[in-house]
Structure formats: C-alpha cells, structure tokens
C-alpha cells in the first residue's frame, strides 16, 4: 500500500524526547480550549481549526483541535490524548478523517490535528523546521520505519501519513498509519471514497482501541 512519505533526509536522533519549547513558556496558555479528553497534565494551545479542505469530512463541527507541530511535542513529555498527523491534499488522509471523526464523537473526545504542511510551519526558517522535525522524529522513533540513506549509509526515520498516535502520560500506547491492509487507492478515481464498508468497520475498530488505550 502506498502512503505519502514525509522524510527528513539527514535527521540525527536525540537521546531523549524533548519538545522544542523556550524556557519560561507557560505550558497552559490563556485561551487554550480544553477537549473532552485533554492533554493530561498540560493543555495544548490550539489554532482556529478549518477541516473544510478534507473532501469526505462532511461535518460542520468536527472533533478536531488543530495544534502546531511544536505544540504537539508536549504530548510526548507528560500529555494524554490522540493526535493525527496529516495534510489536506493527501488522498489517504482524506479517507481516514471521516472515520476518525465519527469514532472520536462516539467516544466523546476531541483529537489533536497537526497539518504537517501548514502555512505556519512552512513559513519557519529551515533551521526551525529542521529542529521541530528532528524533535518529532525523536518522539515517534519507536513507531517509525527506518531505511538506509544511500548517501551516508546510515539508517534514517521515515514518517508516513496519515499517522494517528495515542499517548498517555507522555507514553505512546498505540498508533495506526494509513487506511487498512488491503485498501488500494485507484488514482484515476480520487473523487470516489473507495473505502469499502468492511474496511471502514475495521478502521473504526482500530481507532476505538487507540482511544480506549489512553482513557
């Protein structure tokens, strides 16, 4: 199954998972929204959330709270919640979002959403982008695939989306990447949902287990 790869070619893994946050920053900023299943000992500063570009997500009030890549790193320190890494033009992301939304609403939670190609992220300097990606890859290293860099001969982490990660008290309790095994996207029919009812049911079960793992 083909997923979209989001690769940093020369990332060096750190010894631990440390968020890119300036010292002295208040981890519970004023104005943060508190989701039904919040970020444990911390709250994440959310952004105005617009999911309208996801073509199969037909819900005027979806169960997502948008956060930056940097903000999502706090989850992996001492937070609790479910976060999805995605972007609007990813065809696989478009197909999982309505399922994740339905399960989140059924479970009474909100899911943190990171648009990995958001305007805010793309406007950062190259060094800032590299720092944030490096920190994210360090946090997600236990669940990421690795492949050999042909130029250096060293292993490098490879992140593919959509990636849904469940975190409890800073520890990853489970994750799921992509749609489901057996799903094949027909690039000639991108306007069609293509996910079979049986595959939707399977994916719902996966997301239910992820959410249950952080309660």
Protein backbone atom coordinates (compact mmCIF):
# COMPACT_ATOMS: atom_id res chain seq x y z
CA UNK A 1 0.00 0.00 0.00
CA UNK A 2 1.31 3.37 -0.95
CA UNK A 3 1.29 6.24 1.54
CA UNK A 4 2.71 9.70 1.27
CA UNK A 5 6.21 9.87 2.73
CA UNK A 6 7.31 12.84 4.83
CA UNK A 7 11.07 12.44 5.07
CA UNK A 8 13.90 14.44 6.59
CA UNK A 9 16.91 13.09 4.76
CA UNK A 10 19.56 13.91 7.33
CA UNK A 11 17.90 13.78 10.74
CA UNK A 12 20.03 12.92 13.79
CA UNK A 13 18.06 11.27 16.59
CA UNK A 14 18.41 12.82 20.04
CA UNK A 15 18.99 10.81 23.20
CA UNK A 16 15.52 11.61 24.56
CA UNK A 17 12.21 13.11 23.58
CA UNK A 18 12.46 16.82 24.28
CA UNK A 19 9.98 19.36 22.95
CA UNK A 20 11.20 22.48 21.20
CA UNK A 21 9.86 24.96 23.73
CA UNK A 22 11.62 28.03 25.01
CA UNK A 23 12.35 28.05 28.73
CA UNK A 24 9.88 30.08 30.69
CA UNK A 25 6.97 29.47 28.35
CA UNK A 26 3.69 28.86 30.18
CA UNK A 27 2.55 25.31 29.30
CA UNK A 28 -1.09 26.29 29.94
CA UNK A 29 -1.54 29.45 27.85
CA UNK A 30 -4.65 31.54 28.27
CA UNK A 31 -7.32 30.88 25.70
CA UNK A 32 -6.48 27.23 25.16
CA UNK A 33 -9.50 25.05 24.53
CA UNK A 34 -9.99 22.02 26.76
CA UNK A 35 -11.05 18.95 24.78
CA UNK A 36 -13.19 16.24 26.34
CA UNK A 37 -10.03 14.13 26.64
CA UNK A 38 -7.44 16.78 27.33
CA UNK A 39 -3.69 16.72 27.30
CA UNK A 40 -3.30 15.27 30.76
CA UNK A 41 -1.11 17.42 32.99
CA UNK A 42 -0.85 20.08 30.31
CA UNK A 43 -3.08 21.89 27.85
CA UNK A 44 -2.12 22.46 24.26
CA UNK A 45 -2.51 25.85 22.67
CA UNK A 46 -4.90 25.34 19.78
CA UNK A 47 -5.33 27.17 16.48
CA UNK A 48 -8.51 28.06 14.59
CA UNK A 49 -9.42 24.69 13.10
CA UNK A 50 -10.59 24.51 9.49
CA UNK A 51 -11.11 21.00 8.16
CA UNK A 52 -13.17 22.05 5.15
CA UNK A 53 -10.48 21.01 2.67
CA UNK A 54 -10.92 17.33 3.60
CA UNK A 55 -13.26 16.30 0.82
CA UNK A 56 -15.05 13.42 2.58
CA UNK A 57 -15.36 15.06 6.01
CA UNK A 58 -18.89 16.42 5.87
CA UNK A 59 -19.30 17.71 9.41
CA UNK A 60 -19.74 21.41 10.29
CA UNK A 61 -18.40 20.76 13.80
CA UNK A 62 -15.71 18.07 13.51
CA UNK A 63 -14.00 16.60 16.56
CA UNK A 64 -10.56 18.05 15.85
CA UNK A 65 -8.44 20.70 17.55
CA UNK A 66 -5.59 21.99 15.39
CA UNK A 67 -2.18 22.40 17.01
CA UNK A 68 1.24 23.14 15.60
CA UNK A 69 3.93 20.51 15.18
CA UNK A 70 5.87 22.13 18.00
CA UNK A 71 2.85 22.20 20.31
CA UNK A 72 2.13 18.51 19.67
CA UNK A 73 5.55 17.61 21.08
CA UNK A 74 4.31 18.45 24.57
CA UNK A 75 2.07 15.40 24.44
CA UNK A 76 5.13 13.16 24.42
CA UNK A 77 6.50 14.68 27.61
CA UNK A 78 3.59 14.30 30.03
CA UNK A 79 0.42 14.65 28.00
CA UNK A 80 -2.54 12.42 27.27
CA UNK A 81 -4.57 12.43 24.09
CA UNK A 82 -4.84 11.30 20.48
CA UNK A 83 -3.09 13.22 17.70
CA UNK A 84 -3.29 12.80 13.95
CA UNK A 85 -0.52 13.98 11.60
CA UNK A 86 -1.96 14.68 8.17
CA UNK A 87 -2.43 17.25 5.41
CA UNK A 88 -5.35 18.22 3.20
CA UNK A 89 -4.14 17.04 -0.20
CA UNK A 90 -3.06 13.59 0.98
CA UNK A 91 -5.60 11.17 -0.59
CA UNK A 92 -5.21 8.58 2.19
CA UNK A 93 -5.65 11.27 4.86
CA UNK A 94 -8.87 12.36 3.19
CA UNK A 95 -10.24 8.84 3.50
CA UNK A 96 -9.47 8.26 7.18
CA UNK A 97 -10.61 11.63 8.53
CA UNK A 98 -14.39 10.98 8.45
CA UNK A 99 -13.88 7.64 10.21
CA UNK A 100 -11.64 9.13 12.89
CA UNK A 101 -14.11 11.97 13.34
CA UNK A 102 -17.04 9.59 13.81
CA UNK A 103 -15.19 7.45 16.35
CA UNK A 104 -13.97 10.50 18.30
CA UNK A 105 -17.54 11.80 18.56
CA UNK A 106 -18.86 8.40 19.60
CA UNK A 107 -16.18 8.22 22.30
CA UNK A 108 -16.78 11.82 23.40
CA UNK A 109 -13.27 13.14 22.76
CA UNK A 110 -11.53 15.62 20.51
CA UNK A 111 -8.46 14.67 18.50
CA UNK A 112 -5.46 16.94 18.14
CA UNK A 113 -4.74 17.61 14.47
CA UNK A 114 -1.35 18.58 13.03
CA UNK A 115 -1.23 19.79 9.44
CA UNK A 116 2.37 18.91 8.62
CA UNK A 117 2.40 21.38 5.73
CA UNK A 118 0.56 24.22 7.46
CA UNK A 119 1.30 27.79 6.42
CA UNK A 120 2.73 28.49 9.86
CA UNK A 121 5.17 25.60 9.60
CA UNK A 122 6.20 26.33 6.02
CA UNK A 123 6.97 29.95 6.95
CA UNK A 124 9.55 28.91 9.53
CA UNK A 125 13.24 29.13 8.76
CA UNK A 126 14.93 25.98 7.51
CA UNK A 127 16.69 25.61 10.85
CA UNK A 128 13.43 25.93 12.80
CA UNK A 129 11.79 23.34 10.56
CA UNK A 130 14.72 21.00 10.98
CA UNK A 131 14.69 21.39 14.78
CA UNK A 132 10.97 20.65 15.03
CA UNK A 133 11.10 17.68 12.66
CA UNK A 134 14.12 16.29 14.48
CA UNK A 135 12.30 16.55 17.81
CA UNK A 136 9.15 14.97 16.35
CA UNK A 137 11.10 12.10 14.82
CA UNK A 138 12.77 11.50 18.18
CA UNK A 139 9.39 11.31 19.92
CA UNK A 140 7.96 8.99 17.27
CA UNK A 141 11.10 6.92 16.71
CA UNK A 142 9.72 3.77 18.41
CA UNK A 143 6.86 3.58 15.89
CA UNK A 144 8.58 4.82 12.72
CA UNK A 145 10.03 2.73 9.93
CA UNK A 146 13.70 3.25 9.11
CA UNK A 147 15.53 2.98 5.83
CA UNK A 148 19.17 3.31 4.83
CA UNK A 149 20.32 6.66 3.49
CA UNK A 150 22.19 5.82 0.29
CA UNK A 151 24.40 8.89 0.66
CA UNK A 152 25.53 8.26 4.25
CA UNK A 153 24.88 4.56 4.70
CA UNK A 154 23.09 5.31 7.97
CA UNK A 155 19.52 4.49 8.92
CA UNK A 156 17.04 7.35 8.81
CA UNK A 157 13.48 7.51 10.13
CA UNK A 158 10.65 7.70 7.63
CA UNK A 159 7.31 9.19 8.61
CA UNK A 160 4.25 8.40 6.54
CA UNK A 161 0.82 9.94 6.90
CA UNK A 162 -1.91 9.71 7.97
CA UNK A 163 -0.38 8.76 11.31
CA UNK A 164 -2.69 8.57 14.35
CA UNK A 165 -0.88 8.32 17.69
CA UNK A 166 -2.35 7.63 21.14
CA UNK A 167 -0.40 9.00 24.11
CA UNK A 168 -0.99 8.53 27.84
CA UNK A 169 1.12 10.40 30.38
CA UNK A 170 3.71 11.05 27.71
CA UNK A 171 3.99 7.42 26.59
CA UNK A 172 2.80 6.11 23.22
CA UNK A 173 0.13 3.50 23.85
CA UNK A 174 -0.59 2.73 20.21
CA UNK A 175 -0.64 4.12 16.69
CA UNK A 176 -2.01 3.45 13.24
CA UNK A 177 -0.68 4.61 9.89
CA UNK A 178 -2.63 4.66 6.64
CA UNK A 179 -6.08 3.21 5.98
CA UNK A 180 -6.15 -0.59 6.44
CA UNK A 181 -4.28 -3.52 4.96
CA UNK A 182 -5.87 -4.47 1.69
CA UNK A 183 -7.01 -0.98 0.78
CA UNK A 184 -5.74 0.07 -2.64
CA UNK A 185 -6.28 3.57 -3.88
CA UNK A 186 -7.25 4.00 -7.52
CA UNK A 187 -5.57 7.28 -8.59
CA UNK A 188 -7.99 7.53 -11.51
CA UNK A 189 -10.98 7.79 -9.14
CA UNK A 190 -9.86 10.24 -6.47
CA UNK A 191 -13.32 11.80 -6.32
CA UNK A 192 -14.70 8.48 -5.09
CA UNK A 193 -14.30 7.47 -1.45
CA UNK A 194 -13.23 3.93 -2.45
CA UNK A 195 -13.05 2.59 1.14
CA UNK A 196 -15.36 -0.42 1.45
CA UNK A 197 -17.85 -0.72 4.32
CA UNK A 198 -15.90 -3.66 5.73
CA UNK A 199 -12.71 -1.58 5.68
CA UNK A 200 -14.46 1.33 7.40
CA UNK A 201 -15.61 -1.08 10.12
CA UNK A 202 -12.07 -2.40 10.54
CA UNK A 203 -10.62 1.11 10.74
CA UNK A 204 -13.25 2.14 13.29
CA UNK A 205 -12.22 -0.76 15.48
CA UNK A 206 -8.59 0.29 15.30
CA UNK A 207 -9.39 3.88 16.28
CA UNK A 208 -11.68 2.73 19.09
CA UNK A 209 -8.84 0.69 20.57
CA UNK A 210 -6.44 3.64 20.29
CA UNK A 211 -8.82 5.95 22.13
CA UNK A 212 -9.56 3.34 24.78
CA UNK A 213 -5.83 2.94 25.40
CA UNK A 214 -5.50 6.49 26.72
CA UNK A 215 -8.53 6.54 28.99
